[in-house]
Protein backbone atom coordinates (compact mmCIF):
# COMPACT_ATOMS: atom_id res chain seq x y z
CA MET A 1 12.44 11.73 10.83
CA PHE A 2 10.83 8.29 10.80
CA LEU A 3 7.55 6.92 12.07
CA GLN A 4 7.69 3.20 12.86
CA ILE A 5 4.57 1.11 13.41
CA HIS A 6 4.67 -2.30 15.09
CA PHE A 7 1.52 -4.36 15.54
CA LEU A 8 0.16 -7.72 16.67
CA THR A 9 -3.09 -9.03 15.23
CA SER A 10 -4.69 -12.41 15.91
CA TYR A 11 -6.79 -14.16 13.26
CA HIS A 12 -9.09 -17.14 13.68
CA ALA A 13 -9.43 -19.89 11.03
CA SER A 14 -8.82 -18.05 7.77
CA LEU A 15 -6.85 -17.91 4.55
CA LEU A 16 -5.41 -14.42 4.60
CA ASN A 17 -3.06 -14.62 1.63
CA ARG A 18 -2.73 -17.40 -0.95
CA ASP A 19 0.18 -18.50 -3.12
CA ASP A 20 -0.03 -19.64 -6.75
CA ALA A 21 -1.16 -23.11 -5.64
CA GLY A 22 -4.00 -21.74 -3.50
CA LEU A 23 -2.22 -22.57 -0.23
CA ALA A 24 -1.59 -20.15 2.61
CA LYS A 25 1.61 -18.16 2.12
CA ARG A 26 4.37 -19.10 4.51
CA ILE A 27 7.97 -18.36 5.40
CA ARG A 28 10.63 -20.19 7.39
CA PHE A 29 12.05 -18.03 10.19
CA GLY A 30 14.11 -19.06 13.19
CA GLY A 31 14.00 -22.69 12.08
CA ALA A 32 10.21 -22.84 12.12
CA GLU A 33 7.62 -22.50 9.38
CA ARG A 34 5.30 -19.50 9.81
CA LEU A 35 2.14 -18.24 8.13
CA ARG A 36 2.81 -15.05 6.17
CA VAL A 37 0.89 -12.11 4.69
CA SER A 38 2.75 -10.32 1.91
CA SER A 39 3.41 -6.59 1.97
CA GLN A 40 1.60 -6.26 -1.38
CA CYS A 41 -1.53 -7.82 0.10
CA GLN A 42 -1.47 -5.55 3.13
CA LYS A 43 -0.87 -2.38 1.10
CA ARG A 44 -3.67 -3.22 -1.32
CA HIS A 45 -6.25 -3.50 1.47
CA TRP A 46 -4.98 -0.41 3.30
CA ARG A 47 -5.04 1.63 0.11
CA GLU A 48 -8.62 0.63 -0.73
CA TRP A 49 -9.77 1.49 2.80
CA MET A 50 -8.01 4.88 2.74
CA MET A 51 -9.18 5.95 -0.71
CA PRO A 52 -12.72 7.11 0.22
CA ARG A 53 -11.46 8.64 3.45
CA THR A 54 -9.04 11.22 2.05
CA PRO A 55 -9.78 14.24 -0.14
CA LEU A 56 -6.49 13.74 -1.95
CA PRO A 57 -6.83 12.21 -5.43
CA GLY A 58 -5.99 8.55 -5.75
CA GLY A 59 -4.42 6.56 -8.52
CA VAL A 60 -5.23 3.59 -10.70
CA ARG A 61 -2.80 0.75 -11.41
CA SER A 62 -3.84 -0.83 -14.69
CA ARG A 63 -2.77 -1.90 -18.17
CA HIS A 64 -5.95 -0.26 -19.50
CA PHE A 65 -5.35 3.31 -18.32
CA PHE A 66 -5.12 4.80 -21.82
CA SER A 67 -8.09 2.92 -23.28
CA ARG A 68 -10.56 2.82 -20.38
CA ILE A 69 -9.86 6.21 -18.82
CA VAL A 70 -8.05 8.59 -21.17
CA LYS A 71 -9.58 7.61 -24.52
CA ARG A 72 -13.03 7.00 -23.07
CA GLU A 73 -13.16 10.41 -21.38
CA LEU A 74 -11.77 12.09 -24.49
CA VAL A 75 -14.49 10.56 -26.69
CA GLU A 76 -17.18 11.36 -24.13
CA GLY A 77 -15.97 14.96 -24.32
CA GLY A 78 -16.79 15.11 -28.03
CA VAL A 79 -13.58 14.09 -29.82
CA ASP A 80 -14.02 11.74 -32.79
CA GLU A 81 -13.15 8.18 -31.76
CA ALA A 82 -10.67 7.51 -34.58
CA LEU A 83 -8.85 10.79 -33.93
CA ALA A 84 -8.92 10.16 -30.18
CA HIS A 85 -7.38 6.70 -30.67
CA GLU A 86 -4.57 8.06 -32.84
CA LEU A 87 -3.74 10.89 -30.47
CA VAL A 88 -3.87 8.72 -27.34
CA LEU A 89 -1.59 6.20 -29.05
CA ALA A 90 0.87 8.99 -29.86
CA LEU A 91 0.79 10.12 -26.24
CA ALA A 92 1.21 6.60 -24.83
CA LYS A 93 4.14 5.88 -27.15
CA SER A 94 5.81 9.18 -26.29
CA LEU A 95 5.47 8.49 -22.58
CA LEU A 96 6.30 4.78 -22.48
CA THR A 97 8.72 4.06 -25.32
CA ALA A 98 11.24 6.72 -24.43
CA ALA A 99 13.23 4.10 -22.53
CA GLY A 100 13.58 1.98 -25.67
CA ASP A 101 10.61 -0.37 -25.25
CA LYS A 102 8.83 -0.03 -28.59
CA ASP A 103 6.19 -2.59 -27.64
CA ALA A 104 5.20 -0.94 -24.36
CA VAL A 105 1.69 -0.23 -25.70
CA ASP A 106 -0.49 -2.18 -28.17
CA PRO A 107 -1.42 0.11 -31.11
CA LYS A 108 -4.81 -1.58 -31.56
CA THR A 109 -6.05 -1.83 -27.99
CA LEU A 110 -3.90 0.85 -26.28
CA GLU A 111 -3.18 -1.79 -23.67
CA MET A 112 0.18 -1.59 -21.87
CA LYS A 113 2.35 -4.66 -21.37
CA GLN A 114 2.16 -4.33 -17.62
CA PRO A 115 0.11 -2.36 -15.11
CA VAL A 116 1.39 1.15 -14.42
CA LEU A 117 0.22 3.45 -11.64
CA PHE A 118 -1.19 6.76 -12.87
CA GLY A 119 -2.74 9.44 -10.69
CA ARG A 120 -5.88 11.42 -11.39
CA PRO A 121 -3.83 14.64 -11.76
CA GLU A 122 -1.85 12.98 -14.54
CA ALA A 123 -5.05 11.80 -16.25
CA ASP A 124 -6.45 15.35 -16.11
CA TYR A 125 -3.27 16.79 -17.58
CA PHE A 126 -3.17 14.22 -20.38
CA LEU A 127 -6.79 14.92 -21.26
CA ALA A 128 -6.14 18.68 -21.45
CA LEU A 129 -3.13 18.08 -23.70
CA LEU A 130 -5.10 15.72 -25.95
CA ARG A 131 -7.97 18.19 -26.28
CA GLU A 132 -5.49 20.86 -27.36
CA ALA A 133 -3.98 18.44 -29.87
CA ALA A 134 -7.42 17.50 -31.21
CA ALA A 135 -8.22 21.19 -31.70
CA GLU A 136 -5.33 21.44 -34.18
CA GLY A 137 -7.73 20.02 -36.76
CA ASP A 138 -5.79 17.01 -38.05
CA ALA A 139 -4.03 14.02 -36.54
CA LYS A 140 -0.56 14.81 -37.92
CA THR A 141 -0.40 18.28 -36.40
CA GLY A 142 -1.93 16.99 -33.18
CA ARG A 143 0.70 14.26 -32.90
CA LYS A 144 3.49 16.79 -33.37
CA ARG A 145 2.06 18.94 -30.58
CA ILE A 146 1.91 15.95 -28.23
CA GLU A 147 5.44 14.78 -29.06
CA SER A 148 6.85 18.30 -28.65
CA THR A 149 5.16 18.77 -25.26
CA VAL A 150 6.31 15.36 -23.99
CA LYS A 151 9.86 16.05 -25.15
CA GLU A 152 9.86 19.33 -23.25
CA GLY A 153 8.33 17.64 -20.23
CA ARG A 154 11.25 15.25 -19.87
CA LYS A 155 13.18 18.08 -18.25
CA ASN A 156 10.66 18.40 -15.42
CA PHE A 157 7.33 16.63 -15.80
CA ARG A 158 6.23 17.66 -12.34
CA ALA A 159 6.80 21.33 -13.18
CA LEU A 160 4.70 20.84 -16.31
CA LEU A 161 1.78 19.64 -14.20
CA ALA A 162 2.24 22.51 -11.77
CA GLN A 163 2.09 25.01 -14.64
CA ALA A 164 -1.21 23.43 -15.63
CA GLY A 165 -2.55 24.13 -12.14
CA LEU A 166 -2.25 20.54 -10.90
CA SER A 167 -0.44 20.74 -7.57
CA ASP A 168 -1.76 17.49 -6.08
CA PRO A 169 0.64 14.50 -6.00
CA ALA A 170 1.03 13.42 -9.63
CA ALA A 171 0.67 9.69 -8.97
CA GLY A 172 -2.11 10.12 -6.40
CA PHE A 173 -1.92 9.76 -2.64
CA ASP A 174 -1.21 6.04 -2.97
CA GLY A 175 1.78 6.74 -5.22
CA ALA A 176 2.99 9.31 -2.69
CA LEU A 177 2.76 6.66 0.05
CA PHE A 178 3.80 3.45 -1.66
CA GLY A 179 5.81 4.74 -4.63
CA ARG A 180 5.80 4.11 -8.35
CA PHE A 181 8.43 2.39 -10.47
CA VAL A 182 8.51 3.28 -14.16
CA THR A 183 11.19 2.96 -16.85
CA SER A 184 9.90 5.97 -18.78
CA ASP A 185 12.24 8.96 -18.66
CA ILE A 186 9.37 11.46 -18.37
CA LEU A 187 6.89 9.90 -15.95
CA SER A 188 8.02 10.66 -12.43
CA ARG A 189 9.46 7.69 -10.62
CA VAL A 190 8.23 7.97 -7.04
CA ASP A 191 10.32 6.41 -4.28
CA ALA A 192 8.21 4.77 -1.59
CA PRO A 193 8.43 6.48 1.81
CA VAL A 194 6.30 3.72 3.38
CA HIS A 195 8.22 0.45 3.83
CA VAL A 196 6.04 -2.54 4.68
CA ALA A 197 7.36 -5.86 5.99
CA HIS A 198 5.65 -9.17 5.35
CA ALA A 199 3.64 -10.01 8.45
CA PHE A 200 4.26 -13.46 9.97
CA THR A 201 3.03 -15.56 12.87
CA VAL A 202 5.04 -15.20 16.08
CA HIS A 203 4.67 -18.94 16.61
CA ALA A 204 5.16 -21.97 14.40
CA LEU A 205 2.70 -22.61 11.59
CA ASP A 206 -0.35 -24.73 12.30
CA THR A 207 -2.79 -25.29 9.44
CA GLU A 208 -5.34 -27.83 8.36
CA VAL A 209 -7.14 -28.66 5.13
CA ASP A 210 -10.84 -27.87 5.23
CA PHE A 211 -12.91 -30.20 3.06
CA PHE A 212 -16.23 -28.73 1.95
CA THR A 213 -19.15 -29.73 -0.26
CA VAL A 214 -21.91 -28.00 -2.19
CA VAL A 215 -25.42 -29.40 -2.52
CA ASP A 216 -27.48 -28.79 -5.67
CA ASP A 217 -30.85 -27.46 -4.48
CA LEU A 218 -32.63 -28.54 -7.67
CA ALA A 219 -31.23 -32.08 -7.76
CA ARG A 220 -31.64 -33.29 -4.21
CA ASP A 221 -33.82 -36.25 -5.25
CA GLU A 222 -31.37 -37.30 -7.96
CA GLU A 223 -28.08 -37.01 -6.08
CA THR A 224 -27.13 -38.90 -2.95
CA GLY A 225 -23.92 -36.98 -2.41
CA ALA A 226 -22.59 -33.51 -3.05
CA ALA A 227 -22.78 -31.73 -6.39
CA HIS A 228 -19.32 -30.30 -5.80
CA ALA A 229 -16.49 -31.04 -3.38
CA ASN A 230 -13.27 -29.15 -2.78
CA ASP A 231 -10.83 -28.17 -0.07
CA MET A 232 -8.82 -25.18 1.12
CA GLU A 233 -6.03 -24.66 3.60
CA LEU A 234 -6.96 -22.75 6.74
CA GLY A 235 -4.68 -21.34 9.39
CA ALA A 236 -4.96 -19.29 12.55
CA GLY A 237 -2.39 -17.30 14.42
CA LEU A 238 -0.98 -14.17 16.00
CA PHE A 239 0.85 -12.06 13.41
CA TYR A 240 3.60 -9.49 13.92
CA GLY A 241 3.72 -6.69 11.37
CA TYR A 242 6.05 -3.76 10.86
CA VAL A 243 5.92 -0.53 8.84
CA ALA A 244 8.51 2.24 8.62
CA VAL A 245 7.71 5.67 7.14
CA ASP A 246 10.32 8.11 5.86
CA VAL A 247 8.40 11.29 6.77
CA PRO A 248 10.54 13.85 4.85
CA LEU A 249 10.22 11.77 1.68
CA LEU A 250 6.45 11.53 2.14
CA VAL A 251 6.17 15.32 2.47
CA SER A 252 8.42 15.69 -0.59
CA ASN A 253 6.18 13.35 -2.62
CA LEU A 254 3.07 15.26 -1.56
CA THR A 255 4.36 18.80 -2.06
CA GLY A 256 7.16 18.55 -4.62
CA CYS A 257 9.71 20.07 -2.24
CA LYS A 258 13.24 18.81 -1.76
CA ARG A 259 13.42 16.13 0.92
CA GLU A 260 15.63 18.25 3.18
CA GLU A 261 13.16 21.16 3.02
CA TRP A 262 10.20 19.18 4.37
CA ARG A 263 9.84 21.10 7.63
CA GLY A 264 9.07 24.33 5.80
CA GLN A 265 6.07 22.88 3.97
CA ASP A 266 2.38 22.59 4.74
CA THR A 267 2.38 19.12 6.32
CA GLN A 268 -1.34 18.82 7.04
CA ALA A 269 -1.93 16.35 4.17
CA ALA A 270 0.99 14.19 5.32
CA ARG A 271 -0.28 14.25 8.91
CA GLU A 272 -3.80 13.21 7.84
CA LEU A 273 -2.50 10.44 5.56
CA LEU A 274 -0.30 9.00 8.31
CA GLY A 275 -3.20 9.06 10.75
CA LEU A 276 -5.32 7.15 8.22
CA LEU A 277 -2.49 4.71 7.54
CA VAL A 278 -2.08 3.84 11.22
CA ARG A 279 -5.85 3.34 11.55
CA ALA A 280 -5.85 1.10 8.46
CA ILE A 281 -3.01 -0.98 9.91
CA ALA A 282 -4.90 -1.41 13.17
CA GLU A 283 -8.35 -2.07 11.73
CA VAL A 284 -8.19 -3.42 8.16
CA SER A 285 -7.87 -7.16 7.61
CA PRO A 286 -6.43 -8.69 4.48
CA GLY A 287 -8.05 -11.91 3.48
CA ALA A 288 -8.86 -14.32 0.76
CA LYS A 289 -12.08 -16.33 1.21
CA LEU A 290 -13.81 -13.43 2.94
CA GLY A 291 -17.27 -14.93 2.48
CA SER A 292 -16.42 -18.27 4.03
CA THR A 293 -14.02 -17.27 6.83
CA ALA A 294 -14.90 -13.65 7.79
CA PRO A 295 -11.29 -12.83 8.77
CA HIS A 296 -12.15 -9.47 10.32
CA ALA A 297 -9.90 -8.67 13.25
CA ARG A 298 -8.26 -5.64 14.84
CA ALA A 299 -4.79 -5.28 16.25
CA ALA A 300 -4.45 -6.37 19.86
CA TRP A 301 -1.33 -4.23 20.32
CA LEU A 302 0.26 -1.39 18.37
CA MET A 303 3.38 0.63 19.12
CA LEU A 304 4.35 3.85 17.36
CA GLU A 305 7.94 5.09 17.44
CA ALA A 306 8.83 8.56 16.15
CA GLY A 307 12.40 9.79 15.92
CA GLU A 308 15.51 10.51 13.90
CA SER A 309 17.35 7.23 14.43
CA GLN A 310 17.64 4.52 11.79
CA PRO A 311 14.49 2.33 11.72
CA ARG A 312 14.71 -1.27 12.85
CA SER A 313 12.15 -4.04 12.94
CA LEU A 314 11.44 -5.97 16.13
CA ALA A 315 10.86 -9.20 14.19
CA ASN A 316 13.86 -10.85 15.86
CA ALA A 317 11.89 -10.87 19.09
CA PHE A 318 10.24 -13.94 17.52
CA LEU A 319 13.33 -15.59 16.08
CA GLN A 320 12.55 -18.23 18.68
CA PRO A 321 8.85 -19.02 18.12
CA VAL A 322 6.47 -18.19 20.94
CA ARG A 323 5.23 -21.37 22.64
CA LEU A 324 1.47 -21.83 22.70
CA ASP A 325 0.80 -24.26 25.54
CA GLY A 326 -2.32 -22.74 27.05
CA GLU A 327 -0.58 -21.76 30.28
CA SER A 328 -0.58 -18.03 29.50
CA HIS A 329 -2.22 -15.68 27.00
CA PRO A 330 -0.48 -15.78 23.58
CA VAL A 331 -0.53 -11.97 23.27
CA ASP A 332 1.05 -11.62 26.72
CA ARG A 333 3.85 -13.98 25.69
CA ALA A 334 4.40 -12.07 22.46
CA LEU A 335 4.50 -8.75 24.35
CA GLN A 336 7.02 -10.15 26.80
CA ALA A 337 9.20 -11.27 23.88
CA LEU A 338 8.98 -7.78 22.34
CA ALA A 339 9.80 -6.05 25.62
CA SER A 340 12.76 -8.37 26.24
CA HIS A 341 14.08 -7.75 22.72
CA LEU A 342 13.85 -3.98 23.23
CA ASP A 343 15.83 -4.41 26.49
CA GLU A 344 18.52 -6.30 24.57
CA LEU A 345 18.71 -3.67 21.82
CA GLU A 346 18.98 -0.83 24.33
CA ALA A 347 21.66 -2.68 26.30
CA MET A 348 23.74 -2.87 23.11
CA TYR A 349 22.91 0.41 21.35
CA GLY A 350 21.71 2.62 24.18
CA ASP A 351 18.61 4.79 24.18
CA THR A 352 18.19 5.95 20.56
CA GLY A 353 15.69 8.63 21.51
CA GLU A 354 12.47 7.53 19.85
CA ARG A 355 9.18 8.77 21.25
CA ARG A 356 7.17 5.60 21.92
CA LEU A 357 3.42 5.35 22.30
CA VAL A 358 1.49 2.11 22.82
CA ALA A 359 -2.14 1.16 22.32
CA SER A 360 -2.98 -2.30 23.63
CA THR A 361 -5.72 -4.61 24.79
CA ARG A 362 -3.24 -6.31 27.14
CA THR A 363 -0.72 -5.08 29.70
CA TRP A 364 2.50 -3.77 28.11
CA PRO A 365 5.38 -5.14 30.23
CA ARG A 366 7.56 -2.02 30.09
CA ASP A 367 6.36 0.68 32.48
CA ASP A 368 8.43 3.40 30.74
CA VAL A 369 5.82 3.59 27.96
CA PRO A 370 2.24 4.36 29.05
CA VAL A 371 -0.64 2.69 27.22
CA HIS A 372 -3.04 5.04 25.39
CA PRO A 373 -6.29 4.62 23.47
CA LEU A 374 -5.50 4.31 19.77
CA ASP A 375 -6.53 7.90 19.00
CA GLY A 376 -4.26 9.20 21.74
CA ALA A 377 -1.29 7.14 20.55
CA ILE A 378 -1.75 8.37 16.98
CA SER A 379 -2.10 12.03 17.90
CA GLY A 380 0.86 11.85 20.29
CA ALA A 381 3.14 10.32 17.65
CA LEU A 382 2.06 12.78 14.96
CA ASP A 383 2.53 15.72 17.35
CA HIS A 384 6.10 14.54 17.91
CA VAL A 385 6.70 14.31 14.15
CA PHE A 386 4.97 17.48 12.96
CA GLY A 387 4.37 19.56 16.07
CA SER A 388 1.04 20.03 17.82
CA ALA A 389 -1.99 19.99 15.55
CA PRO A 390 -3.53 23.43 14.90
């Protein structure tokens, strides 16, 4: 079972996503240069918007997890700092160097070589283990306890957390949605059930360089020009975005069940997360230069597709860029391109059986799919996936 989310969002003059040179990210598609917003950028903003809106624990992606969360909380709980450092180092090494990387963590700072996503349930479990090790009375015995527990945990780390009473998703709700890649052979690698495409403009790129100056308020009588001058690239456009969700894998990540057993689980958390995700996609804007461009926009059109068939993007509707000549509304032209592409796909592959629901500010050209308010489209799609809400 998959839930697919297609959306169109128009942005005024803005700089949504920058590359390493500070320019707007772009991609060449269908022979034309387009503005682009990376999947990483989109997921970051969606995740931050969702975090305070779900009761599920979140995660933290950082190189400083062991020093700024685990060690700090251990010391605040009364463990001597030197002992805490030694035990946390033993834990970090046991967790991260099992794959052969002996330099995965700095022994002085406890800093990891690269950011790793850890969930709050994992932090709580590590803290409980470290407190038990500290209670052994000396660092050597404490280290042995940690190493023995980690070695045993390699067989089934998730079961170890469950035995400790931690049934929430180990890597947090964001890990359950967007996955976690780790080389450690004990930390649970989490495959991402949410697949996010890079959003791109349905028409050819059109940008300009904005030159701006800053005036020094305390030196107006001394300076005849600006105290600072700079420039940035701005672009505007109508973006197509696409997300596909592997629902059984999401339920598996949230509950610990086997993927094929997802229908027998309590799916309420998955339903609520997907509802939040769709809302985030429709309402949350990515954007660099927030203070100087205010790139806050909402989707003009969103289509949800729920079904068993293999997901497929509708990006090829815009392989030929939409022409912006002022004769018709750009969103209407984009919707006509999408509808025509769906006609072509169905002529070749037939009706693949998805349940489609559309929310739109403009008229959707295909009369086989009624247009709903966003709430109605979301609830209808989720009812098709999970059954009617209780």
